Amino acid sequence: MSRFVEIARTNEIAPGEAKMVEVEGKKIAIFNLEGDYYAIDDTCPHARGPLSEGEVEGEAVTCPWHGSEFNIKTGEVLRPPARRGVKSYRVQVEGSIIKIEA
């Protein structure tokens, strides 16, 4: 059975920004897109770059190491060199607390 785990507070992530958190040994990037929060694996499958440090434009994040681009909402790869996407996580916001499904 799935459960939601607290990962951050809304005031920790400005609109258009991201934060890396660790949940059960996994690095996860949480993004604030105009007040809506999304979570994907933080590690690019191409060369393990940190997606939370990438440039956000619209619903896409670009890996800072080699330029792979991913959809923040779905984890789908939008531009190589990565050949596959990353896992996305369901997010809940309760008041100022952000949780993801673990």
PDB file of N, CA and C in Angstrom:
ATOM      1  N   MET A   1       0.838  -1.182   0.000  1.00  0.00           N
ATOM      2  CA  MET A   1       0.000   0.000   0.000  1.00  0.00           C
ATOM      3  C   MET A   1       0.883   1.245   0.000  1.00  0.00           C
ATOM      4  N   SER A   2       0.528   2.208  -0.823  1.00  0.00           N
ATOM      5  CA  SER A   2       1.338   3.423  -0.917  1.00  0.00           C
ATOM      6  C   SER A   2       1.040   4.362   0.246  1.00  0.00           C
ATOM      7  N   ARG A   3       2.005   5.231   0.489  1.00  0.00           N
ATOM      8  CA  ARG A   3       1.855   6.233   1.544  1.00  0.00           C
ATOM      9  C   ARG A   3       2.527   7.509   1.074  1.00  0.00           C
ATOM     10  N   PHE A   4       2.086   8.633   1.636  1.00  0.00           N
ATOM     11  CA  PHE A   4       2.684   9.919   1.286  1.00  0.00           C
ATOM     12  C   PHE A   4       3.665  10.332   2.372  1.00  0.00           C
ATOM     13  N   VAL A   5       4.833  10.829   1.918  1.00  0.00           N
ATOM     14  CA  VAL A   5       5.921  11.195   2.812  1.00  0.00           C
ATOM     15  C   VAL A   5       6.179  12.691   2.671  1.00  0.00           C
ATOM     16  N   GLU A   6       6.296  13.382   3.801  1.00  0.00           N
ATOM     17  CA  GLU A   6       6.605  14.814   3.782  1.00  0.00           C
ATOM     18  C   GLU A   6       8.021  15.021   3.263  1.00  0.00           C
ATOM     19  N   ILE A   7       8.163  15.947   2.282  1.00  0.00           N
ATOM     20  CA  ILE A   7       9.489  16.177   1.713  1.00  0.00           C
ATOM     21  C   ILE A   7       9.949  17.622   1.801  1.00  0.00           C
ATOM     22  N   ALA A   8       9.016  18.576   1.906  1.00  0.00           N
ATOM     23  CA  ALA A   8       9.408  19.990   1.929  1.00  0.00           C
ATOM     24  C   ALA A   8       8.214  20.834   2.340  1.00  0.00           C
ATOM     25  N   ARG A   9       8.472  22.123   2.469  1.00  0.00           N
ATOM     26  CA  ARG A   9       7.417  23.115   2.715  1.00  0.00           C
ATOM     27  C   ARG A   9       7.351  24.034   1.503  1.00  0.00           C
ATOM     28  N   THR A  10       6.176  24.545   1.238  1.00  0.00           N
ATOM     29  CA  THR A  10       5.977  25.357   0.038  1.00  0.00           C
ATOM     30  C   THR A  10       6.881  26.588   0.008  1.00  0.00           C
ATOM     31  N   ASN A  11       7.197  27.170   1.152  1.00  0.00           N
ATOM     32  CA  ASN A  11       8.033  28.381   1.164  1.00  0.00           C
ATOM     33  C   ASN A  11       9.510  28.092   0.893  1.00  0.00           C
ATOM     34  N   GLU A  12       9.888  26.829   0.753  1.00  0.00           N
ATOM     35  CA  GLU A  12      11.279  26.458   0.481  1.00  0.00           C
ATOM     36  C   GLU A  12      11.613  26.450  -1.007  1.00  0.00           C
ATOM     37  N   ILE A  13      10.577  26.498  -1.882  1.00  0.00           N
ATOM     38  CA  ILE A  13      10.804  26.372  -3.321  1.00  0.00           C
ATOM     39  C   ILE A  13      10.044  27.487  -4.031  1.00  0.00           C
ATOM     40  N   ALA A  14      10.774  28.461  -4.546  1.00  0.00           N
ATOM     41  CA  ALA A  14      10.162  29.593  -5.244  1.00  0.00           C
ATOM     42  C   ALA A  14       9.610  29.136  -6.602  1.00  0.00           C
ATOM     43  N   PRO A  15       8.634  29.842  -7.148  1.00  0.00           N
ATOM     44  CA  PRO A  15       8.115  29.494  -8.480  1.00  0.00           C
ATOM     45  C   PRO A  15       9.244  29.462  -9.515  1.00  0.00           C
ATOM     46  N   GLY A  16       9.239  28.402 -10.346  1.00  0.00           N
ATOM     47  CA  GLY A  16      10.274  28.231 -11.360  1.00  0.00           C
ATOM     48  C   GLY A  16      11.558  27.618 -10.839  1.00  0.00           C
ATOM     49  N   GLU A  17      11.575  27.241  -9.564  1.00  0.00           N
ATOM     50  CA  GLU A  17      12.772  26.672  -8.940  1.00  0.00           C
ATOM     51  C   GLU A  17      12.545  25.213  -8.568  1.00  0.00           C
ATOM     52  N   ALA A  18      13.614  24.559  -8.138  1.00  0.00           N
ATOM     53  CA  ALA A  18      13.569  23.151  -7.737  1.00  0.00           C
ATOM     54  C   ALA A  18      14.408  22.945  -6.487  1.00  0.00           C
ATOM     55  N   LYS A  19      14.162  21.820  -5.846  1.00  0.00           N
ATOM     56  CA  LYS A  19      14.940  21.431  -4.666  1.00  0.00           C
ATOM     57  C   LYS A  19      15.131  19.922  -4.721  1.00  0.00           C
ATOM     58  N   MET A  20      16.330  19.464  -4.357  1.00  0.00           N
ATOM     59  CA  MET A  20      16.586  18.035  -4.262  1.00  0.00           C
ATOM     60  C   MET A  20      16.323  17.582  -2.840  1.00  0.00           C
ATOM     61  N   VAL A  21      15.605  16.469  -2.712  1.00  0.00           N
ATOM     62  CA  VAL A  21      15.368  15.850  -1.418  1.00  0.00           C
ATOM     63  C   VAL A  21      15.697  14.370  -1.539  1.00  0.00           C
ATOM     64  N   GLU A  22      16.013  13.752  -0.408  1.00  0.00           N
ATOM     65  CA  GLU A  22      16.238  12.307  -0.399  1.00  0.00           C
ATOM     66  C   GLU A  22      15.116  11.634   0.353  1.00  0.00           C
ATOM     67  N   VAL A  23      14.535  10.625  -0.282  1.00  0.00           N
ATOM     68  CA  VAL A  23      13.448   9.854   0.313  1.00  0.00           C
ATOM     69  C   VAL A  23      13.814   8.383   0.176  1.00  0.00           C
ATOM     70  N   GLU A  24      13.969   7.724   1.311  1.00  0.00           N
ATOM     71  CA  GLU A  24      14.289   6.297   1.335  1.00  0.00           C
ATOM     72  C   GLU A  24      15.477   5.965   0.424  1.00  0.00           C
ATOM     73  N   GLY A  25      16.509   6.817   0.476  1.00  0.00           N
ATOM     74  CA  GLY A  25      17.730   6.587  -0.274  1.00  0.00           C
ATOM     75  C   GLY A  25      17.698   7.030  -1.722  1.00  0.00           C
ATOM     76  N   LYS A  26      16.578   7.604  -2.193  1.00  0.00           N
ATOM     77  CA  LYS A  26      16.470   8.062  -3.576  1.00  0.00           C
ATOM     78  C   LYS A  26      16.506   9.580  -3.620  1.00  0.00           C
ATOM     79  N   LYS A  27      17.247  10.127  -4.600  1.00  0.00           N
ATOM     80  CA  LYS A  27      17.281  11.573  -4.810  1.00  0.00           C
ATOM     81  C   LYS A  27      16.118  11.957  -5.716  1.00  0.00           C
ATOM     82  N   ILE A  28      15.308  12.893  -5.236  1.00  0.00           N
ATOM     83  CA  ILE A  28      14.113  13.324  -5.955  1.00  0.00           C
ATOM     84  C   ILE A  28      14.140  14.835  -6.092  1.00  0.00           C
ATOM     85  N   ALA A  29      13.796  15.324  -7.285  1.00  0.00           N
ATOM     86  CA  ALA A  29      13.710  16.761  -7.548  1.00  0.00           C
ATOM     87  C   ALA A  29      12.250  17.181  -7.430  1.00  0.00           C
ATOM     88  N   ILE A  30      12.001  18.198  -6.618  1.00  0.00           N
ATOM     89  CA  ILE A  30      10.647  18.750  -6.480  1.00  0.00           C
ATOM     90  C   ILE A  30      10.654  20.138  -7.113  1.00  0.00           C
ATOM     91  N   PHE A  31       9.691  20.400  -7.992  1.00  0.00           N
ATOM     92  CA  PHE A  31       9.618  21.639  -8.755  1.00  0.00           C
ATOM     93  C   PHE A  31       8.357  22.415  -8.402  1.00  0.00           C
ATOM     94  N   ASN A  32       8.466  23.743  -8.394  1.00  0.00           N
ATOM     95  CA  ASN A  32       7.326  24.631  -8.215  1.00  0.00           C
ATOM     96  C   ASN A  32       7.054  25.298  -9.559  1.00  0.00           C
ATOM     97  N   LEU A  33       5.953  24.905 -10.194  1.00  0.00           N
ATOM     98  CA  LEU A  33       5.542  25.531 -11.450  1.00  0.00           C
ATOM     99  C   LEU A  33       4.314  26.394 -11.166  1.00  0.00           C
ATOM    100  N   GLU A  34       4.563  27.661 -10.897  1.00  0.00           N
ATOM    101  CA  GLU A  34       3.503  28.630 -10.634  1.00  0.00           C
ATOM    102  C   GLU A  34       2.542  28.173  -9.534  1.00  0.00           C
ATOM    103  N   GLY A  35       3.106  27.625  -8.466  1.00  0.00           N
ATOM    104  CA  GLY A  35       2.306  27.216  -7.317  1.00  0.00           C
ATOM    105  C   GLY A  35       1.836  25.776  -7.333  1.00  0.00           C
ATOM    106  N   ASP A  36       2.079  25.062  -8.422  1.00  0.00           N
ATOM    107  CA  ASP A  36       1.794  23.633  -8.481  1.00  0.00           C
ATOM    108  C   ASP A  36       3.125  22.897  -8.357  1.00  0.00           C
ATOM    109  N   TYR A  37       3.125  21.809  -7.613  1.00  0.00           N
ATOM    110  CA  TYR A  37       4.362  21.092  -7.306  1.00  0.00           C
ATOM    111  C   TYR A  37       4.393  19.744  -8.011  1.00  0.00           C
ATOM    112  N   TYR A  38       5.571  19.398  -8.540  1.00  0.00           N
ATOM    113  CA  TYR A  38       5.784  18.151  -9.268  1.00  0.00           C
ATOM    114  C   TYR A  38       7.101  17.541  -8.810  1.00  0.00           C
ATOM    115  N   ALA A  39       7.167  16.213  -8.836  1.00  0.00           N
ATOM    116  CA  ALA A  39       8.376  15.518  -8.389  1.00  0.00           C
ATOM    117  C   ALA A  39       8.776  14.457  -9.404  1.00  0.00           C
ATOM    118  N   ILE A  40      10.074  14.441  -9.729  1.00  0.00           N
ATOM    119  CA  ILE A  40      10.655  13.426 -10.607  1.00  0.00           C
ATOM    120  C   ILE A  40      11.992  12.988 -10.010  1.00  0.00           C
ATOM    121  N   ASP A  41      12.501  11.850 -10.479  1.00  0.00           N
ATOM    122  CA  ASP A  41      13.834  11.445 -10.048  1.00  0.00           C
ATOM    123  C   ASP A  41      14.815  12.563 -10.383  1.00  0.00           C
ATOM    124  N   ASP A  42      15.751  12.817  -9.491  1.00  0.00           N
ATOM    125  CA  ASP A  42      16.708  13.911  -9.663  1.00  0.00           C
ATOM    126  C   ASP A  42      17.872  13.553 -10.577  1.00  0.00           C
ATOM    127  N   THR A  43      18.075  12.279 -10.837  1.00  0.00           N
ATOM    128  CA  THR A  43      19.269  11.832 -11.549  1.00  0.00           C
ATOM    129  C   THR A  43      18.974  11.559 -13.020  1.00  0.00           C
ATOM    130  N   CYS A  44      19.652  12.283 -13.908  1.00  0.00           N
ATOM    131  CA  CYS A  44      19.505  12.083 -15.350  1.00  0.00           C
ATOM    132  C   CYS A  44      20.018  10.690 -15.718  1.00  0.00           C
ATOM    133  N   PRO A  45      19.257   9.926 -16.504  1.00  0.00           N
ATOM    134  CA  PRO A  45      19.707   8.574 -16.858  1.00  0.00           C
ATOM    135  C   PRO A  45      20.889   8.554 -17.835  1.00  0.00           C
ATOM    136  N   HIS A  46      21.207   9.675 -18.466  1.00  0.00           N
ATOM    137  CA  HIS A  46      22.321   9.710 -19.420  1.00  0.00           C
ATOM    138  C   HIS A  46      23.672   9.645 -18.712  1.00  0.00           C
ATOM    139  N   ALA A  47      23.929  10.622 -17.813  1.00  0.00           N
ATOM    140  CA  ALA A  47      25.233  10.652 -17.142  1.00  0.00           C
ATOM    141  C   ALA A  47      25.100  11.010 -15.669  1.00  0.00           C
ATOM    142  N   ARG A  48      23.901  10.816 -15.125  1.00  0.00           N
ATOM    143  CA  ARG A  48      23.630  10.974 -13.688  1.00  0.00           C
ATOM    144  C   ARG A  48      23.703  12.425 -13.214  1.00  0.00           C
ATOM    145  N   GLY A  49      23.454  13.384 -14.107  1.00  0.00           N
ATOM    146  CA  GLY A  49      23.442  14.800 -13.740  1.00  0.00           C
ATOM    147  C   GLY A  49      22.269  15.124 -12.829  1.00  0.00           C
ATOM    148  N   PRO A  50      22.404  16.164 -11.991  1.00  0.00           N
ATOM    149  CA  PRO A  50      21.363  16.543 -11.034  1.00  0.00           C
ATOM    150  C   PRO A  50      20.295  17.436 -11.683  1.00  0.00           C
ATOM    151  N   LEU A  51      19.122  16.886 -11.948  1.00  0.00           N
ATOM    152  CA  LEU A  51      18.070  17.645 -12.620  1.00  0.00           C
ATOM    153  C   LEU A  51      17.581  18.825 -11.786  1.00  0.00           C
ATOM    154  N   SER A  52      17.665  18.725 -10.466  1.00  0.00           N
ATOM    155  CA  SER A  52      17.233  19.837  -9.608  1.00  0.00           C
ATOM    156  C   SER A  52      18.102  21.075  -9.805  1.00  0.00           C
ATOM    157  N   GLU A  53      19.273  20.917 -10.416  1.00  0.00           N
ATOM    158  CA  GLU A  53      20.161  22.046 -10.678  1.00  0.00           C
ATOM    159  C   GLU A  53      20.032  22.552 -12.109  1.00  0.00           C
ATOM    160  N   GLY A  54      19.126  21.947 -12.890  1.00  0.00           N
ATOM    161  CA  GLY A  54      18.952  22.321 -14.283  1.00  0.00           C
ATOM    162  C   GLY A  54      18.088  23.555 -14.464  1.00  0.00           C
ATOM    163  N   GLU A  55      18.124  24.089 -15.672  1.00  0.00           N
ATOM    164  CA  GLU A  55      17.326  25.267 -16.017  1.00  0.00           C
ATOM    165  C   GLU A  55      15.886  24.836 -16.291  1.00  0.00           C
ATOM    166  N   VAL A  56      14.944  25.555 -15.668  1.00  0.00           N
ATOM    167  CA  VAL A  56      13.523  25.283 -15.854  1.00  0.00           C
ATOM    168  C   VAL A  56      12.964  26.299 -16.841  1.00  0.00           C
ATOM    169  N   GLU A  57      12.270  25.776 -17.851  1.00  0.00           N
ATOM    170  CA  GLU A  57      11.596  26.642 -18.811  1.00  0.00           C
ATOM    171  C   GLU A  57      10.240  26.017 -19.113  1.00  0.00           C
ATOM    172  N   GLY A  58       9.177  26.700 -18.697  1.00  0.00           N
ATOM    173  CA  GLY A  58       7.841  26.134 -18.865  1.00  0.00           C
ATOM    174  C   GLY A  58       7.708  24.872 -18.042  1.00  0.00           C
ATOM    175  N   GLU A  59       7.333  23.767 -18.699  1.00  0.00           N
ATOM    176  CA  GLU A  59       7.173  22.477 -18.023  1.00  0.00           C
ATOM    177  C   GLU A  59       8.383  21.569 -18.226  1.00  0.00           C
ATOM    178  N   ALA A  60       9.519  22.140 -18.661  1.00  0.00           N
ATOM    179  CA  ALA A  60      10.701  21.333 -18.965  1.00  0.00           C
ATOM    180  C   ALA A  60      11.884  21.739 -18.103  1.00  0.00           C
ATOM    181  N   VAL A  61      12.724  20.754 -17.789  1.00  0.00           N
ATOM    182  CA  VAL A  61      13.989  21.001 -17.105  1.00  0.00           C
ATOM    183  C   VAL A  61      15.103  20.422 -17.969  1.00  0.00           C
ATOM    184  N   THR A  62      16.199  21.168 -18.077  1.00  0.00           N
ATOM    185  CA  THR A  62      17.348  20.741 -18.864  1.00  0.00           C
ATOM    186  C   THR A  62      18.458  20.298 -17.921  1.00  0.00           C
ATOM    187  N   CYS A  63      18.973  19.100 -18.144  1.00  0.00           N
ATOM    188  CA  CYS A  63      20.080  18.594 -17.336  1.00  0.00           C
ATOM    189  C   CYS A  63      21.275  19.529 -17.512  1.00  0.00           C
ATOM    190  N   PRO A  64      21.886  19.963 -16.395  1.00  0.00           N
ATOM    191  CA  PRO A  64      23.001  20.905 -16.493  1.00  0.00           C
ATOM    192  C   PRO A  64      24.285  20.294 -17.051  1.00  0.00           C
ATOM    193  N   TRP A  65      24.384  18.990 -17.158  1.00  0.00           N
ATOM    194  CA  TRP A  65      25.622  18.371 -17.603  1.00  0.00           C
ATOM    195  C   TRP A  65      25.720  18.201 -19.113  1.00  0.00           C
ATOM    196  N   HIS A  66      24.676  17.667 -19.752  1.00  0.00           N
ATOM    197  CA  HIS A  66      24.775  17.399 -21.188  1.00  0.00           C
ATOM    198  C   HIS A  66      23.555  17.835 -21.982  1.00  0.00           C
ATOM    199  N   GLY A  67      22.613  18.530 -21.358  1.00  0.00           N
ATOM    200  CA  GLY A  67      21.510  19.131 -22.090  1.00  0.00           C
ATOM    201  C   GLY A  67      20.294  18.275 -22.359  1.00  0.00           C
ATOM    202  N   SER A  68      20.225  17.070 -21.800  1.00  0.00           N
ATOM    203  CA  SER A  68      18.989  16.300 -21.950  1.00  0.00           C
ATOM    204  C   SER A  68      17.852  17.103 -21.334  1.00  0.00           C
ATOM    205  N   GLU A  69      16.671  16.984 -21.921  1.00  0.00           N
ATOM    206  CA  GLU A  69      15.534  17.747 -21.423  1.00  0.00           C
ATOM    207  C   GLU A  69      14.413  16.784 -21.040  1.00  0.00           C
ATOM    208  N   PHE A  70      13.725  17.112 -19.926  1.00  0.00           N
ATOM    209  CA  PHE A  70      12.679  16.250 -19.397  1.00  0.00           C
ATOM    210  C   PHE A  70      11.429  17.058 -19.085  1.00  0.00           C
ATOM    211  N   ASN A  71      10.264  16.421 -19.247  1.00  0.00           N
ATOM    212  CA  ASN A  71       9.011  17.031 -18.837  1.00  0.00           C
ATOM    213  C   ASN A  71       8.909  16.919 -17.320  1.00  0.00           C
ATOM    214  N   ILE A  72       8.723  18.039 -16.650  1.00  0.00           N
ATOM    215  CA  ILE A  72       8.670  18.067 -15.192  1.00  0.00           C
ATOM    216  C   ILE A  72       7.431  17.353 -14.661  1.00  0.00           C
ATOM    217  N   LYS A  73       6.337  17.400 -15.411  1.00  0.00           N
ATOM    218  CA  LYS A  73       5.086  16.790 -14.940  1.00  0.00           C
ATOM    219  C   LYS A  73       5.057  15.277 -15.100  1.00  0.00           C
ATOM    220  N   THR A  74       5.714  14.755 -16.150  1.00  0.00           N
ATOM    221  CA  THR A  74       5.619  13.324 -16.444  1.00  0.00           C
ATOM    222  C   THR A  74       6.933  12.563 -16.338  1.00  0.00           C
ATOM    223  N   GLY A  75       8.068  13.264 -16.402  1.00  0.00           N
ATOM    224  CA  GLY A  75       9.377  12.610 -16.415  1.00  0.00           C
ATOM    225  C   GLY A  75       9.817  12.169 -17.798  1.00  0.00           C
ATOM    226  N   GLU A  76       8.968  12.368 -18.806  1.00  0.00           N
ATOM    227  CA  GLU A  76       9.279  11.957 -20.183  1.00  0.00           C
ATOM    228  C   GLU A  76      10.494  12.709 -20.718  1.00  0.00           C
ATOM    229  N   VAL A  77      11.364  11.990 -21.435  1.00  0.00           N
ATOM    230  CA  VAL A  77      12.513  12.640 -22.063  1.00  0.00           C
ATOM    231  C   VAL A  77      12.007  13.404 -23.285  1.00  0.00           C
ATOM    232  N   LEU A  78      12.429  14.667 -23.389  1.00  0.00           N
ATOM    233  CA  LEU A  78      12.011  15.523 -24.495  1.00  0.00           C
ATOM    234  C   LEU A  78      13.130  15.761 -25.498  1.00  0.00           C
ATOM    235  N   ARG A  79      14.385  15.651 -25.035  1.00  0.00           N
ATOM    236  CA  ARG A  79      15.530  15.882 -25.914  1.00  0.00           C
ATOM    237  C   ARG A  79      16.704  15.038 -25.434  1.00  0.00           C
ATOM    238  N   PRO A  80      17.388  14.348 -26.376  1.00  0.00           N
ATOM    239  CA  PRO A  80      18.562  13.561 -26.007  1.00  0.00           C
ATOM    240  C   PRO A  80      19.724  14.472 -25.602  1.00  0.00           C
ATOM    241  N   PRO A  81      20.780  13.884 -25.035  1.00  0.00           N
ATOM    242  CA  PRO A  81      21.240  12.531 -25.268  1.00  0.00           C
ATOM    243  C   PRO A  81      20.578  11.443 -24.415  1.00  0.00           C
ATOM    244  N   ALA A  82      19.825  11.781 -23.376  1.00  0.00           N
ATOM    245  CA  ALA A  82      19.131  10.731 -22.611  1.00  0.00           C
ATOM    246  C   ALA A  82      18.165  10.010 -23.557  1.00  0.00           C
ATOM    247  N   ARG A  83      18.048   8.705 -23.384  1.00  0.00           N
ATOM    248  CA  ARG A  83      17.171   7.906 -24.243  1.00  0.00           C
ATOM    249  C   ARG A  83      15.894   7.488 -23.548  1.00  0.00           C
ATOM    250  N   ARG A  84      15.867   7.641 -22.243  1.00  0.00           N
ATOM    251  CA  ARG A  84      14.650   7.271 -21.498  1.00  0.00           C
ATOM    252  C   ARG A  84      14.370   8.341 -20.460  1.00  0.00           C
ATOM    253  N   GLY A  85      13.121   8.381 -20.051  1.00  0.00           N
ATOM    254  CA  GLY A  85      12.695   9.364 -19.067  1.00  0.00           C
ATOM    255  C   GLY A  85      13.047   8.953 -17.658  1.00  0.00           C
ATOM    256  N   VAL A  86      12.553   9.743 -16.712  1.00  0.00           N
ATOM    257  CA  VAL A  86      12.747   9.473 -15.292  1.00  0.00           C
ATOM    258  C   VAL A  86      11.390   9.264 -14.643  1.00  0.00           C
ATOM    259  N   LYS A  87      11.392   8.646 -13.485  1.00  0.00           N
ATOM    260  CA  LYS A  87      10.151   8.373 -12.769  1.00  0.00           C
ATOM    261  C   LYS A  87       9.549   9.670 -12.239  1.00  0.00           C
ATOM    262  N   SER A  88       8.229   9.784 -12.344  1.00  0.00           N
ATOM    263  CA  SER A  88       7.520  10.907 -11.729  1.00  0.00           C
ATOM    264  C   SER A  88       6.756  10.370 -10.518  1.00  0.00           C
ATOM    265  N   TYR A  89       6.478  11.255  -9.566  1.00  0.00           N
ATOM    266  CA  TYR A  89       5.826  10.879  -8.318  1.00  0.00           C
ATOM    267  C   TYR A  89       4.578  11.724  -8.110  1.00  0.00           C
ATOM    268  N   ARG A  90       3.542  11.115  -7.542  1.00  0.00           N
ATOM    269  CA  ARG A  90       2.342  11.863  -7.177  1.00  0.00           C
ATOM    270  C   ARG A  90       2.668  12.775  -6.011  1.00  0.00           C
ATOM    271  N   VAL A  91       2.165  14.003  -6.082  1.00  0.00           N
ATOM    272  CA  VAL A  91       2.429  15.015  -5.066  1.00  0.00           C
ATOM    273  C   VAL A  91       1.113  15.456  -4.439  1.00  0.00           C
ATOM    274  N   GLN A  92       1.144  15.671  -3.132  1.00  0.00           N
ATOM    275  CA  GLN A  92       0.024  16.256  -2.389  1.00  0.00           C
ATOM    276  C   GLN A  92       0.544  17.455  -1.624  1.00  0.00           C
ATOM    277  N   VAL A  93      -0.243  18.511  -1.574  1.00  0.00           N
ATOM    278  CA  VAL A  93       0.095  19.663  -0.749  1.00  0.00           C
ATOM    279  C   VAL A  93      -1.010  19.813   0.280  1.00  0.00           C
ATOM    280  N   GLU A  94      -0.618  19.784   1.551  1.00  0.00           N
ATOM    281  CA  GLU A  94      -1.551  19.947   2.661  1.00  0.00           C
ATOM    282  C   GLU A  94      -1.118  21.169   3.446  1.00  0.00           C
ATOM    283  N   GLY A  95      -1.834  22.281   3.249  1.00  0.00           N
ATOM    284  CA  GLY A  95      -1.414  23.532   3.864  1.00  0.00           C
ATOM    285  C   GLY A  95      -0.111  23.968   3.234  1.00  0.00           C
ATOM    286  N   SER A  96       0.948  24.021   4.030  1.00  0.00           N
ATOM    287  CA  SER A  96       2.256  24.394   3.505  1.00  0.00           C
ATOM    288  C   SER A  96       3.196  23.186   3.372  1.00  0.00           C
ATOM    289  N   ILE A  97       2.686  21.989   3.571  1.00  0.00           N
ATOM    290  CA  ILE A  97       3.509  20.775   3.541  1.00  0.00           C
ATOM    291  C   ILE A  97       3.362  20.066   2.206  1.00  0.00           C
ATOM    292  N   ILE A  98       4.515  19.783   1.578  1.00  0.00           N
ATOM    293  CA  ILE A  98       4.541  19.044   0.314  1.00  0.00           C
ATOM    294  C   ILE A  98       4.884  17.590   0.624  1.00  0.00           C
ATOM    295  N   LYS A  99       4.081  16.666   0.072  1.00  0.00           N
ATOM    296  CA  LYS A  99       4.314  15.242   0.258  1.00  0.00           C
ATOM    297  C   LYS A  99       4.350  14.551  -1.093  1.00  0.00           C
ATOM    298  N   ILE A 100       5.111  13.445  -1.184  1.00  0.00           N
ATOM    299  CA  ILE A 100       5.095  12.620  -2.372  1.00  0.00           C
ATOM    300  C   ILE A 100       4.713  11.201  -1.987  1.00  0.00           C
ATOM    301  N   GLU A 101       4.183  10.491  -2.990  1.00  0.00           N
ATOM    302  CA  GLU A 101       3.808   9.094  -2.774  1.00  0.00           C
ATOM    303  C   GLU A 101       5.063   8.244  -2.831  1.00  0.00           C
ATOM    304  N   ALA A 102       5.310   7.511  -1.765  1.00  0.00           N
ATOM    305  CA  ALA A 102       6.518   6.666  -1.692  1.00  0.00           C
ATOM    306  C   ALA A 102       6.145   5.199  -1.872  1.00  0.00           C
TER     307      ALA A 102
END
